């Protein structure tokens, strides 16, 4: 039994959200059955706002000029669109230190913060909401859904989103202009640079070895 996570990274380009959701569910079942190894989907969606159960329970809806789609991952409203990296880890979380949802979220936050450091950007946590923040603004959202400790959905990093689109979205305790992009904070980082940073820091965060007895 191996104590190392091996990851199949699939860079899929632009994918419509319903198609990505279908693929995630299919891969999640395959991962549960050990037909595939842990799989990381990297992609981008055409603009859409996904609406999680927290937002639905609180009666929070996006503005009428935003397309939306209901989802079953944790959290509230999440903007997707151009200038954003979307990462969906279809992982079986069974390594050391992965014994709770909070611990897994923390591992993902660590990973994003390490990747930002490689791009000379200081990211941090904030007690207002899970995710990763830069200069007090939220630039990364995290929301997962689990079946037998195998995840689907994942996280986003806003690196250069269209002006005001993500900033105009409020909900789940966050005001407008709380979520933003790296570019709006003065950081000019290219998509490939950020992806390479995520790949190179994966081992130091979620790809940990464990002692197997």
N, C-alpha and C. Protein backbone atom coordinates (compact mmCIF):
# COMPACT_ATOMS: atom_id res chain seq x y z
N UNK A 1 0.85 -1.19 0.00
CA UNK A 1 0.00 0.00 0.00
C UNK A 1 0.88 1.24 0.00
N UNK A 2 0.70 2.12 -0.94
CA UNK A 2 1.55 3.29 -1.09
C UNK A 2 1.12 4.40 -0.15
N UNK A 3 2.10 5.15 0.35
CA UNK A 3 1.81 6.31 1.17
C UNK A 3 1.98 7.61 0.41
N UNK A 4 2.06 7.55 -0.90
CA UNK A 4 2.25 8.73 -1.72
C UNK A 4 1.05 8.90 -2.64
N UNK A 5 0.62 10.14 -2.81
CA UNK A 5 -0.46 10.42 -3.75
C UNK A 5 0.11 10.63 -5.15
N UNK A 6 -0.42 9.89 -6.10
CA UNK A 6 -0.09 10.10 -7.50
C UNK A 6 -1.28 10.75 -8.17
N UNK A 7 -1.01 11.77 -8.99
CA UNK A 7 -2.09 12.59 -9.54
C UNK A 7 -1.99 12.64 -11.05
N UNK A 8 -3.11 12.37 -11.70
CA UNK A 8 -3.26 12.54 -13.14
C UNK A 8 -3.83 13.93 -13.38
N UNK A 9 -3.03 14.82 -13.96
CA UNK A 9 -3.46 16.20 -14.20
C UNK A 9 -4.00 16.31 -15.63
N UNK A 10 -5.25 16.77 -15.73
CA UNK A 10 -5.88 16.92 -17.04
C UNK A 10 -6.22 18.39 -17.26
N UNK A 11 -5.54 19.01 -18.22
CA UNK A 11 -5.79 20.41 -18.55
C UNK A 11 -6.79 20.44 -19.71
N UNK A 12 -8.02 20.84 -19.41
CA UNK A 12 -9.13 20.65 -20.35
C UNK A 12 -9.53 21.89 -21.12
N UNK A 13 -8.94 23.04 -20.83
CA UNK A 13 -9.31 24.26 -21.53
C UNK A 13 -10.66 24.80 -21.03
N UNK A 14 -11.43 25.37 -21.96
CA UNK A 14 -12.73 25.95 -21.59
C UNK A 14 -13.81 24.86 -21.69
N UNK A 15 -14.54 24.68 -20.60
CA UNK A 15 -15.57 23.63 -20.53
C UNK A 15 -16.85 24.24 -19.96
N UNK A 16 -17.98 24.01 -20.64
CA UNK A 16 -19.26 24.46 -20.10
C UNK A 16 -19.51 23.80 -18.74
N UNK A 17 -20.12 24.55 -17.81
CA UNK A 17 -20.25 24.04 -16.46
C UNK A 17 -21.02 22.72 -16.38
N UNK A 18 -22.18 22.57 -17.03
CA UNK A 18 -22.89 21.29 -16.92
C UNK A 18 -22.07 20.09 -17.39
N UNK A 19 -21.25 20.30 -18.43
CA UNK A 19 -20.40 19.21 -18.91
C UNK A 19 -19.32 18.87 -17.89
N UNK A 20 -18.75 19.89 -17.25
CA UNK A 20 -17.75 19.64 -16.22
C UNK A 20 -18.37 18.90 -15.04
N UNK A 21 -19.58 19.25 -14.66
CA UNK A 21 -20.26 18.58 -13.54
C UNK A 21 -20.50 17.11 -13.88
N UNK A 22 -20.92 16.84 -15.10
CA UNK A 22 -21.13 15.45 -15.53
C UNK A 22 -19.82 14.66 -15.44
N UNK A 23 -18.74 15.27 -15.91
CA UNK A 23 -17.44 14.60 -15.89
C UNK A 23 -16.97 14.37 -14.46
N UNK A 24 -17.15 15.36 -13.59
CA UNK A 24 -16.74 15.19 -12.20
C UNK A 24 -17.45 14.01 -11.54
N UNK A 25 -18.75 13.91 -11.75
CA UNK A 25 -19.52 12.82 -11.13
C UNK A 25 -19.06 11.47 -11.66
N UNK A 26 -18.79 11.41 -12.96
CA UNK A 26 -18.32 10.16 -13.56
C UNK A 26 -16.96 9.76 -13.01
N UNK A 27 -16.03 10.72 -12.92
CA UNK A 27 -14.70 10.42 -12.42
C UNK A 27 -14.73 10.10 -10.93
N UNK A 28 -15.61 10.74 -10.18
CA UNK A 28 -15.72 10.45 -8.75
C UNK A 28 -16.09 8.99 -8.53
N UNK A 29 -17.03 8.48 -9.29
CA UNK A 29 -17.40 7.07 -9.17
C UNK A 29 -16.25 6.16 -9.57
N UNK A 30 -15.52 6.54 -10.61
CA UNK A 30 -14.37 5.74 -11.04
C UNK A 30 -13.27 5.75 -9.99
N UNK A 31 -13.09 6.89 -9.31
CA UNK A 31 -12.06 6.96 -8.27
C UNK A 31 -12.46 6.14 -7.05
N UNK A 32 -13.72 6.17 -6.68
CA UNK A 32 -14.20 5.37 -5.56
C UNK A 32 -13.95 3.89 -5.82
N UNK A 33 -14.14 3.48 -7.07
CA UNK A 33 -13.94 2.08 -7.46
C UNK A 33 -12.49 1.76 -7.77
N UNK A 34 -11.59 2.73 -7.63
CA UNK A 34 -10.17 2.54 -7.93
C UNK A 34 -9.92 2.19 -9.38
N UNK A 35 -10.78 2.66 -10.26
CA UNK A 35 -10.55 2.49 -11.70
C UNK A 35 -9.56 3.52 -12.22
N UNK A 36 -9.43 4.63 -11.50
CA UNK A 36 -8.47 5.67 -11.85
C UNK A 36 -7.72 6.08 -10.59
N UNK A 37 -6.58 6.74 -10.77
CA UNK A 37 -5.88 7.34 -9.64
C UNK A 37 -6.47 8.73 -9.37
N UNK A 38 -5.99 9.38 -8.32
CA UNK A 38 -6.43 10.76 -8.06
C UNK A 38 -6.23 11.59 -9.32
N UNK A 39 -7.24 12.38 -9.63
CA UNK A 39 -7.26 13.12 -10.90
C UNK A 39 -7.57 14.58 -10.63
N UNK A 40 -6.75 15.46 -11.20
CA UNK A 40 -6.94 16.90 -11.05
C UNK A 40 -7.36 17.48 -12.39
N UNK A 41 -8.55 18.07 -12.42
CA UNK A 41 -9.04 18.74 -13.63
C UNK A 41 -8.71 20.22 -13.54
N UNK A 42 -8.04 20.74 -14.56
CA UNK A 42 -7.74 22.17 -14.66
C UNK A 42 -8.50 22.71 -15.86
N UNK A 43 -9.29 23.76 -15.64
CA UNK A 43 -10.12 24.26 -16.73
C UNK A 43 -10.57 25.68 -16.47
N UNK A 44 -11.41 26.16 -17.38
CA UNK A 44 -12.05 27.46 -17.27
C UNK A 44 -13.48 27.30 -17.75
N UNK A 45 -14.40 28.04 -17.11
CA UNK A 45 -15.80 28.00 -17.54
C UNK A 45 -16.18 29.30 -18.24
N UNK A 46 -17.08 29.24 -19.24
CA UNK A 46 -17.74 30.47 -19.66
C UNK A 46 -18.48 31.06 -18.46
N UNK A 47 -18.70 32.35 -18.47
CA UNK A 47 -19.21 33.00 -17.26
C UNK A 47 -20.50 32.36 -16.74
N UNK A 48 -20.47 32.03 -15.45
CA UNK A 48 -21.63 31.47 -14.77
C UNK A 48 -21.40 31.63 -13.25
N UNK A 49 -22.47 31.76 -12.51
CA UNK A 49 -22.39 31.81 -11.06
C UNK A 49 -23.02 30.53 -10.52
N UNK A 50 -22.24 29.74 -9.79
CA UNK A 50 -22.78 28.53 -9.19
C UNK A 50 -23.35 28.88 -7.81
N UNK A 51 -24.48 28.28 -7.50
CA UNK A 51 -25.23 28.62 -6.30
C UNK A 51 -25.27 27.40 -5.39
N UNK A 52 -24.53 27.47 -4.29
CA UNK A 52 -24.46 26.35 -3.35
C UNK A 52 -25.60 26.36 -2.36
N UNK A 53 -25.71 25.31 -1.54
CA UNK A 53 -26.82 25.19 -0.60
C UNK A 53 -26.89 26.31 0.42
N UNK A 54 -25.74 26.83 0.83
CA UNK A 54 -25.77 27.92 1.80
C UNK A 54 -26.49 29.14 1.24
N UNK A 55 -26.20 29.47 -0.01
CA UNK A 55 -26.87 30.61 -0.64
C UNK A 55 -28.36 30.33 -0.81
N UNK A 56 -28.70 29.12 -1.23
CA UNK A 56 -30.12 28.79 -1.42
C UNK A 56 -30.88 28.84 -0.09
N UNK A 57 -30.26 28.33 0.96
CA UNK A 57 -30.91 28.34 2.28
C UNK A 57 -31.12 29.76 2.79
N UNK A 58 -30.19 30.67 2.44
CA UNK A 58 -30.29 32.05 2.90
C UNK A 58 -31.07 32.93 1.93
N UNK A 59 -31.55 32.34 0.84
CA UNK A 59 -32.32 33.10 -0.14
C UNK A 59 -31.48 34.09 -0.94
N UNK A 60 -30.18 33.79 -1.09
CA UNK A 60 -29.28 34.69 -1.81
C UNK A 60 -29.20 34.25 -3.27
N UNK A 61 -29.43 35.18 -4.17
CA UNK A 61 -29.38 34.89 -5.61
C UNK A 61 -28.46 35.90 -6.28
N UNK A 62 -27.84 35.51 -7.39
CA UNK A 62 -26.99 36.47 -8.11
C UNK A 62 -27.84 37.51 -8.83
N UNK A 63 -27.26 38.64 -9.22
CA UNK A 63 -28.00 39.63 -10.00
C UNK A 63 -28.56 39.01 -11.27
N UNK A 64 -29.62 39.63 -11.79
CA UNK A 64 -30.36 39.04 -12.91
C UNK A 64 -29.55 38.93 -14.20
N UNK A 65 -28.47 39.71 -14.33
CA UNK A 65 -27.69 39.65 -15.56
C UNK A 65 -26.56 38.63 -15.50
N UNK A 66 -26.57 37.77 -14.47
CA UNK A 66 -25.60 36.69 -14.37
C UNK A 66 -26.30 35.35 -14.60
N UNK A 67 -25.78 34.54 -15.51
CA UNK A 67 -26.27 33.17 -15.62
C UNK A 67 -25.89 32.42 -14.35
N UNK A 68 -26.73 31.48 -13.93
CA UNK A 68 -26.46 30.75 -12.68
C UNK A 68 -26.80 29.28 -12.84
N UNK A 69 -26.28 28.48 -11.88
CA UNK A 69 -26.48 27.04 -11.93
C UNK A 69 -26.41 26.50 -10.50
N UNK A 70 -27.41 25.70 -10.06
CA UNK A 70 -27.38 25.15 -8.69
C UNK A 70 -26.36 24.02 -8.57
N UNK A 71 -25.65 23.98 -7.43
CA UNK A 71 -24.65 22.94 -7.21
C UNK A 71 -24.78 22.39 -5.79
N UNK A 72 -24.12 21.24 -5.55
CA UNK A 72 -24.22 20.58 -4.25
C UNK A 72 -22.96 20.69 -3.42
N UNK A 73 -21.99 21.51 -3.85
CA UNK A 73 -20.78 21.67 -3.06
C UNK A 73 -21.04 22.65 -1.92
N UNK A 74 -20.13 22.65 -0.93
CA UNK A 74 -20.27 23.57 0.17
C UNK A 74 -20.11 25.02 -0.29
N UNK A 75 -20.70 25.93 0.48
CA UNK A 75 -20.53 27.34 0.18
C UNK A 75 -21.74 27.98 -0.45
N UNK A 76 -21.55 29.21 -0.90
CA UNK A 76 -22.66 29.99 -1.44
C UNK A 76 -22.50 30.28 -2.91
N UNK A 77 -22.39 31.56 -3.26
CA UNK A 77 -22.24 31.97 -4.65
C UNK A 77 -20.77 31.97 -5.05
N UNK A 78 -20.48 31.38 -6.19
CA UNK A 78 -19.11 31.41 -6.72
C UNK A 78 -19.16 31.80 -8.19
N UNK A 79 -18.42 32.85 -8.53
CA UNK A 79 -18.33 33.30 -9.92
C UNK A 79 -17.31 32.46 -10.67
N UNK A 80 -17.64 32.11 -11.92
CA UNK A 80 -16.69 31.46 -12.82
C UNK A 80 -16.67 32.22 -14.13
N UNK A 81 -15.51 32.27 -14.75
CA UNK A 81 -15.42 32.92 -16.04
C UNK A 81 -13.99 33.15 -16.48
N UNK A 82 -13.84 34.01 -17.47
CA UNK A 82 -12.53 34.32 -18.05
C UNK A 82 -11.59 34.89 -17.00
N UNK A 83 -10.32 34.54 -17.11
CA UNK A 83 -9.33 35.07 -16.18
C UNK A 83 -9.31 34.36 -14.84
N UNK A 84 -9.86 33.15 -14.81
CA UNK A 84 -9.92 32.38 -13.56
C UNK A 84 -9.45 30.96 -13.82
N UNK A 85 -8.59 30.46 -12.93
CA UNK A 85 -8.22 29.04 -12.96
C UNK A 85 -9.21 28.28 -12.10
N UNK A 86 -9.76 27.21 -12.64
CA UNK A 86 -10.64 26.31 -11.89
C UNK A 86 -9.92 24.98 -11.75
N UNK A 87 -9.84 24.48 -10.53
CA UNK A 87 -9.17 23.21 -10.26
C UNK A 87 -10.13 22.30 -9.51
N UNK A 88 -10.39 21.13 -10.08
CA UNK A 88 -11.28 20.16 -9.46
C UNK A 88 -10.49 18.90 -9.09
N UNK A 89 -10.12 18.73 -7.83
CA UNK A 89 -9.43 17.51 -7.41
C UNK A 89 -10.42 16.37 -7.16
N UNK A 90 -10.37 15.36 -8.01
CA UNK A 90 -11.17 14.14 -7.81
C UNK A 90 -10.26 13.18 -7.05
N UNK A 91 -10.15 13.42 -5.75
CA UNK A 91 -9.17 12.73 -4.91
C UNK A 91 -9.88 11.85 -3.88
N UNK A 92 -9.24 10.73 -3.58
CA UNK A 92 -9.63 9.91 -2.44
C UNK A 92 -8.75 10.37 -1.27
N UNK A 93 -9.35 11.07 -0.34
CA UNK A 93 -8.60 11.71 0.74
C UNK A 93 -8.40 10.69 1.87
N UNK A 94 -7.29 9.97 1.84
CA UNK A 94 -7.05 8.93 2.84
C UNK A 94 -5.60 8.92 3.33
N UNK A 95 -4.88 10.00 3.10
CA UNK A 95 -3.52 10.08 3.61
C UNK A 95 -3.52 10.69 5.01
N UNK A 96 -2.38 10.65 5.64
CA UNK A 96 -2.25 11.20 6.99
C UNK A 96 -2.64 12.68 7.00
N UNK A 97 -3.43 13.09 7.99
CA UNK A 97 -3.83 14.48 8.12
C UNK A 97 -5.04 14.87 7.30
N UNK A 98 -5.67 13.88 6.65
CA UNK A 98 -6.84 14.16 5.80
C UNK A 98 -8.10 13.55 6.40
N UNK A 99 -8.26 13.72 7.72
CA UNK A 99 -9.32 13.01 8.44
C UNK A 99 -10.56 13.86 8.71
N UNK A 100 -10.64 15.05 8.13
CA UNK A 100 -11.82 15.89 8.29
C UNK A 100 -11.92 16.84 7.10
N UNK A 101 -13.13 17.34 6.88
CA UNK A 101 -13.31 18.31 5.80
C UNK A 101 -12.49 19.56 6.07
N UNK A 102 -12.47 20.01 7.31
CA UNK A 102 -11.70 21.21 7.66
C UNK A 102 -10.22 21.02 7.36
N UNK A 103 -9.69 19.84 7.65
CA UNK A 103 -8.28 19.56 7.38
C UNK A 103 -7.99 19.58 5.89
N UNK A 104 -8.91 19.02 5.10
CA UNK A 104 -8.72 18.99 3.64
C UNK A 104 -8.77 20.40 3.06
N UNK A 105 -9.73 21.21 3.53
CA UNK A 105 -9.80 22.60 3.08
C UNK A 105 -8.51 23.32 3.42
N UNK A 106 -7.97 23.08 4.61
CA UNK A 106 -6.73 23.72 5.03
C UNK A 106 -5.56 23.31 4.13
N UNK A 107 -5.51 22.04 3.72
CA UNK A 107 -4.47 21.58 2.80
C UNK A 107 -4.55 22.32 1.47
N UNK A 108 -5.77 22.49 0.95
CA UNK A 108 -5.93 23.22 -0.31
C UNK A 108 -5.52 24.68 -0.16
N UNK A 109 -5.89 25.29 0.96
CA UNK A 109 -5.46 26.67 1.20
C UNK A 109 -3.93 26.76 1.25
N UNK A 110 -3.29 25.81 1.94
CA UNK A 110 -1.83 25.78 1.99
C UNK A 110 -1.24 25.72 0.59
N UNK A 111 -1.82 24.86 -0.23
CA UNK A 111 -1.33 24.67 -1.59
C UNK A 111 -1.40 25.97 -2.38
N UNK A 112 -2.53 26.65 -2.33
CA UNK A 112 -2.70 27.90 -3.08
C UNK A 112 -1.74 28.96 -2.56
N UNK A 113 -1.59 29.06 -1.23
CA UNK A 113 -0.69 30.06 -0.65
C UNK A 113 0.75 29.80 -1.08
N UNK A 114 1.17 28.52 -1.10
CA UNK A 114 2.52 28.18 -1.56
C UNK A 114 2.72 28.55 -3.03
N UNK A 115 1.72 28.28 -3.85
CA UNK A 115 1.82 28.61 -5.27
C UNK A 115 1.93 30.12 -5.47
N UNK A 116 1.15 30.88 -4.73
CA UNK A 116 1.23 32.34 -4.83
C UNK A 116 2.60 32.84 -4.40
N UNK A 117 3.18 32.21 -3.37
CA UNK A 117 4.52 32.61 -2.93
C UNK A 117 5.52 32.47 -4.06
N UNK A 118 5.38 31.41 -4.86
CA UNK A 118 6.30 31.22 -5.99
C UNK A 118 6.17 32.34 -7.01
N UNK A 119 5.01 32.98 -7.03
CA UNK A 119 4.77 34.10 -7.95
C UNK A 119 5.00 35.44 -7.25
N UNK A 120 5.67 35.40 -6.09
CA UNK A 120 5.98 36.60 -5.30
C UNK A 120 4.73 37.35 -4.86
N UNK A 121 3.70 36.59 -4.49
CA UNK A 121 2.45 37.15 -3.99
C UNK A 121 2.17 36.54 -2.62
N UNK A 122 1.87 37.38 -1.65
CA UNK A 122 1.61 36.90 -0.30
C UNK A 122 0.11 36.66 -0.11
N UNK A 123 -0.27 35.40 -0.01
CA UNK A 123 -1.65 35.04 0.25
C UNK A 123 -1.83 34.70 1.72
N UNK A 124 -3.06 34.78 2.19
CA UNK A 124 -3.33 34.50 3.61
C UNK A 124 -4.76 34.00 3.77
N UNK A 125 -5.03 33.44 4.95
CA UNK A 125 -6.39 33.07 5.33
C UNK A 125 -7.07 34.27 5.96
N UNK A 126 -8.39 34.20 6.05
CA UNK A 126 -9.17 35.26 6.68
C UNK A 126 -10.35 34.62 7.38
N UNK A 127 -10.63 35.06 8.61
CA UNK A 127 -11.70 34.41 9.38
C UNK A 127 -13.09 34.71 8.85
N UNK A 128 -13.21 35.58 7.84
CA UNK A 128 -14.52 35.84 7.27
C UNK A 128 -15.05 34.66 6.47
N UNK A 129 -14.14 33.92 5.82
CA UNK A 129 -14.57 32.80 4.98
C UNK A 129 -13.36 32.00 4.55
N UNK A 130 -13.56 30.70 4.36
CA UNK A 130 -12.48 29.85 3.84
C UNK A 130 -12.09 30.30 2.45
N UNK A 131 -10.89 29.92 2.05
CA UNK A 131 -10.35 30.37 0.77
C UNK A 131 -9.02 31.05 1.01
N UNK A 132 -8.52 31.74 -0.01
CA UNK A 132 -7.25 32.45 0.10
C UNK A 132 -7.48 33.91 -0.28
N UNK A 133 -6.84 34.78 0.49
CA UNK A 133 -7.02 36.21 0.38
C UNK A 133 -5.68 36.88 0.10
N UNK A 134 -5.73 38.02 -0.57
CA UNK A 134 -4.54 38.83 -0.84
C UNK A 134 -4.90 40.28 -0.53
N UNK A 135 -4.12 40.90 0.32
CA UNK A 135 -4.39 42.30 0.72
C UNK A 135 -5.81 42.48 1.27
N UNK A 136 -6.31 41.47 1.99
CA UNK A 136 -7.64 41.58 2.58
C UNK A 136 -8.78 41.36 1.60
N UNK A 137 -8.46 40.97 0.37
CA UNK A 137 -9.48 40.68 -0.64
C UNK A 137 -9.43 39.20 -0.99
N UNK A 138 -10.59 38.61 -1.24
CA UNK A 138 -10.66 37.18 -1.52
C UNK A 138 -10.41 36.93 -3.00
N UNK A 139 -9.40 36.14 -3.30
CA UNK A 139 -9.07 35.85 -4.70
C UNK A 139 -9.21 34.36 -5.02
N UNK A 140 -9.49 33.55 -4.01
CA UNK A 140 -9.63 32.11 -4.22
C UNK A 140 -10.77 31.56 -3.38
N UNK A 141 -11.70 30.87 -4.03
CA UNK A 141 -12.81 30.22 -3.33
C UNK A 141 -12.61 28.71 -3.32
N UNK A 142 -13.07 28.06 -2.25
CA UNK A 142 -12.96 26.60 -2.13
C UNK A 142 -14.31 26.05 -1.73
N UNK A 143 -14.76 25.02 -2.44
CA UNK A 143 -16.00 24.33 -2.09
C UNK A 143 -15.96 22.91 -2.61
N UNK A 144 -16.19 21.94 -1.74
CA UNK A 144 -16.08 20.53 -2.10
C UNK A 144 -17.37 19.79 -1.79
N UNK A 145 -17.56 18.68 -2.47
CA UNK A 145 -18.63 17.73 -2.17
C UNK A 145 -17.99 16.35 -2.10
N UNK A 146 -18.36 15.56 -1.08
CA UNK A 146 -17.70 14.28 -0.85
C UNK A 146 -18.68 13.11 -0.97
N UNK A 147 -18.16 12.01 -1.47
CA UNK A 147 -18.83 10.72 -1.44
C UNK A 147 -17.77 9.69 -1.09
N UNK A 148 -17.95 9.01 0.04
CA UNK A 148 -16.96 8.05 0.53
C UNK A 148 -15.56 8.67 0.59
N UNK A 149 -15.49 9.87 1.07
CA UNK A 149 -14.25 10.63 1.23
C UNK A 149 -13.53 10.86 -0.09
N UNK A 150 -14.27 10.79 -1.19
CA UNK A 150 -13.73 11.15 -2.50
C UNK A 150 -14.41 12.43 -2.95
N UNK A 151 -13.61 13.43 -3.32
CA UNK A 151 -14.16 14.76 -3.57
C UNK A 151 -14.46 15.02 -5.04
N UNK A 152 -15.39 15.94 -5.23
CA UNK A 152 -15.54 16.61 -6.51
C UNK A 152 -15.76 18.09 -6.20
N UNK A 153 -15.86 18.93 -7.23
CA UNK A 153 -15.75 20.38 -7.12
C UNK A 153 -14.34 20.71 -6.64
N UNK A 154 -14.06 21.92 -6.18
CA UNK A 154 -12.68 22.23 -5.84
C UNK A 154 -12.46 23.69 -5.52
N UNK A 155 -11.52 24.33 -6.26
CA UNK A 155 -11.19 25.71 -5.94
C UNK A 155 -10.96 26.54 -7.19
N UNK A 156 -11.03 27.86 -7.00
CA UNK A 156 -10.78 28.81 -8.08
C UNK A 156 -9.68 29.76 -7.65
N UNK A 157 -8.97 30.30 -8.63
CA UNK A 157 -8.05 31.41 -8.41
C UNK A 157 -8.34 32.47 -9.47
N UNK A 158 -8.73 33.64 -9.01
CA UNK A 158 -9.00 34.75 -9.93
C UNK A 158 -7.71 35.51 -10.19
N UNK A 159 -7.18 35.38 -11.40
CA UNK A 159 -5.92 36.05 -11.68
C UNK A 159 -6.11 37.31 -12.54
N UNK A 160 -7.08 37.31 -13.46
CA UNK A 160 -7.31 38.51 -14.29
C UNK A 160 -8.73 38.47 -14.85
N UNK A 161 -9.72 38.58 -13.99
CA UNK A 161 -11.12 38.48 -14.38
C UNK A 161 -11.60 39.80 -14.98
N UNK A 162 -12.68 39.76 -15.81
CA UNK A 162 -13.20 40.99 -16.40
C UNK A 162 -13.55 42.03 -15.34
N UNK A 163 -13.32 43.26 -15.65
CA UNK A 163 -13.52 44.36 -14.70
C UNK A 163 -14.91 44.33 -14.09
N UNK A 164 -14.97 44.29 -12.78
CA UNK A 164 -16.16 44.45 -11.94
C UNK A 164 -17.08 43.24 -11.90
N UNK A 165 -16.88 42.22 -12.74
CA UNK A 165 -17.85 41.12 -12.77
C UNK A 165 -17.85 40.32 -11.48
N UNK A 166 -16.70 39.91 -11.01
CA UNK A 166 -16.67 39.17 -9.75
C UNK A 166 -16.85 40.12 -8.56
N UNK A 167 -16.38 41.36 -8.72
CA UNK A 167 -16.49 42.33 -7.63
C UNK A 167 -17.94 42.70 -7.31
N UNK A 168 -18.81 42.66 -8.31
CA UNK A 168 -20.21 43.05 -8.11
C UNK A 168 -21.04 41.96 -7.44
N UNK A 169 -20.45 40.80 -7.24
CA UNK A 169 -21.19 39.68 -6.67
C UNK A 169 -21.03 39.68 -5.15
N UNK A 170 -22.13 39.66 -4.44
CA UNK A 170 -22.12 39.62 -2.98
C UNK A 170 -22.90 38.39 -2.52
N UNK A 171 -22.71 38.02 -1.28
CA UNK A 171 -23.49 36.90 -0.76
C UNK A 171 -22.77 36.15 0.33
N UNK A 172 -23.53 35.45 1.16
CA UNK A 172 -23.00 34.59 2.22
C UNK A 172 -22.09 35.36 3.17
N UNK A 173 -22.52 36.55 3.57
CA UNK A 173 -21.79 37.32 4.55
C UNK A 173 -20.71 38.21 4.01
N UNK A 174 -20.42 38.14 2.71
CA UNK A 174 -19.41 38.99 2.10
C UNK A 174 -20.09 40.10 1.31
N UNK A 175 -19.56 41.31 1.44
CA UNK A 175 -20.11 42.45 0.72
C UNK A 175 -19.54 42.49 -0.71
N UNK A 176 -20.18 43.30 -1.56
CA UNK A 176 -19.61 43.55 -2.88
C UNK A 176 -18.20 44.10 -2.72
N UNK A 177 -17.36 43.85 -3.74
CA UNK A 177 -15.97 44.29 -3.77
C UNK A 177 -15.09 43.60 -2.73
N UNK A 178 -15.57 42.49 -2.16
CA UNK A 178 -14.71 41.70 -1.27
C UNK A 178 -13.93 40.67 -2.06
N UNK A 179 -14.60 40.01 -3.00
CA UNK A 179 -13.92 39.06 -3.89
C UNK A 179 -13.43 39.80 -5.12
N UNK A 180 -12.20 39.53 -5.52
CA UNK A 180 -11.62 40.26 -6.64
C UNK A 180 -10.59 39.37 -7.32
N UNK A 181 -9.69 39.97 -8.10
CA UNK A 181 -8.66 39.22 -8.81
C UNK A 181 -7.27 39.75 -8.46
N UNK A 182 -6.27 38.96 -8.79
CA UNK A 182 -4.90 39.39 -8.55
C UNK A 182 -4.56 40.64 -9.37
N UNK A 183 -5.05 40.69 -10.60
CA UNK A 183 -4.75 41.84 -11.45
C UNK A 183 -5.30 43.13 -10.84
N UNK A 184 -6.48 43.04 -10.26
CA UNK A 184 -7.08 44.24 -9.66
C UNK A 184 -6.30 44.72 -8.44
N UNK A 185 -5.48 43.82 -7.86
CA UNK A 185 -4.64 44.17 -6.73
C UNK A 185 -3.22 44.55 -7.17
N UNK A 186 -3.03 44.67 -8.48
CA UNK A 186 -1.75 45.14 -9.00
C UNK A 186 -0.75 44.04 -9.32
N UNK A 187 -1.18 42.77 -9.28
CA UNK A 187 -0.28 41.66 -9.58
C UNK A 187 -0.54 41.14 -10.99
N UNK A 188 0.43 41.31 -11.86
CA UNK A 188 0.30 40.85 -13.23
C UNK A 188 0.95 39.47 -13.35
N UNK A 189 0.14 38.43 -13.18
CA UNK A 189 0.64 37.06 -13.26
C UNK A 189 -0.09 36.35 -14.39
N UNK A 190 0.65 35.64 -15.21
CA UNK A 190 0.07 34.94 -16.35
C UNK A 190 -0.48 33.59 -15.91
N UNK A 191 -1.47 33.10 -16.65
CA UNK A 191 -2.11 31.82 -16.33
C UNK A 191 -1.08 30.71 -16.25
N UNK A 192 -0.20 30.60 -17.23
CA UNK A 192 0.77 29.50 -17.24
C UNK A 192 1.73 29.60 -16.06
N UNK A 193 2.12 30.80 -15.69
CA UNK A 193 3.00 30.97 -14.53
C UNK A 193 2.32 30.46 -13.27
N UNK A 194 1.04 30.79 -13.11
CA UNK A 194 0.31 30.35 -11.93
C UNK A 194 0.09 28.84 -11.94
N UNK A 195 -0.22 28.28 -13.11
CA UNK A 195 -0.39 26.83 -13.21
C UNK A 195 0.91 26.11 -12.88
N UNK A 196 2.02 26.60 -13.41
CA UNK A 196 3.31 25.96 -13.12
C UNK A 196 3.62 26.02 -11.63
N UNK A 197 3.23 27.11 -10.98
CA UNK A 197 3.45 27.22 -9.54
C UNK A 197 2.58 26.22 -8.78
N UNK A 198 1.34 26.03 -9.23
CA UNK A 198 0.48 25.02 -8.60
C UNK A 198 1.05 23.62 -8.78
N UNK A 199 1.53 23.31 -9.97
CA UNK A 199 2.09 21.98 -10.21
C UNK A 199 3.34 21.74 -9.35
N UNK A 200 4.20 22.74 -9.26
CA UNK A 200 5.48 22.54 -8.57
C UNK A 200 5.33 22.51 -7.05
N UNK A 201 4.24 23.05 -6.52
CA UNK A 201 4.03 23.04 -5.07
C UNK A 201 3.06 21.95 -4.62
N UNK A 202 2.54 21.18 -5.55
CA UNK A 202 1.58 20.14 -5.19
C UNK A 202 2.17 19.15 -4.19
N UNK A 203 3.41 18.73 -4.43
CA UNK A 203 4.02 17.72 -3.54
C UNK A 203 4.14 18.24 -2.12
N UNK A 204 4.43 19.52 -1.96
CA UNK A 204 4.66 20.08 -0.64
C UNK A 204 3.38 20.32 0.15
N UNK A 205 2.22 20.14 -0.49
CA UNK A 205 0.97 20.43 0.21
C UNK A 205 0.06 19.21 0.26
N UNK A 206 -0.49 18.80 -0.87
CA UNK A 206 -1.47 17.71 -0.85
C UNK A 206 -0.89 16.36 -1.24
N UNK A 207 0.37 16.33 -1.63
CA UNK A 207 0.98 15.08 -2.11
C UNK A 207 1.95 14.52 -1.07
N UNK A 208 1.54 14.58 0.18
CA UNK A 208 2.41 14.21 1.29
C UNK A 208 2.59 12.70 1.40
N UNK A 209 3.79 12.30 1.83
CA UNK A 209 4.00 10.90 2.17
C UNK A 209 3.50 10.64 3.58
N UNK A 210 3.15 9.40 3.85
CA UNK A 210 2.76 9.02 5.20
C UNK A 210 3.47 7.73 5.57
N UNK A 211 3.55 7.45 6.84
CA UNK A 211 4.10 6.18 7.33
C UNK A 211 3.00 5.13 7.28
N UNK A 212 3.27 4.02 6.63
CA UNK A 212 2.29 2.93 6.51
C UNK A 212 2.72 1.79 7.39
N UNK A 213 1.89 1.42 8.32
CA UNK A 213 2.24 0.35 9.26
C UNK A 213 1.89 -1.03 8.68
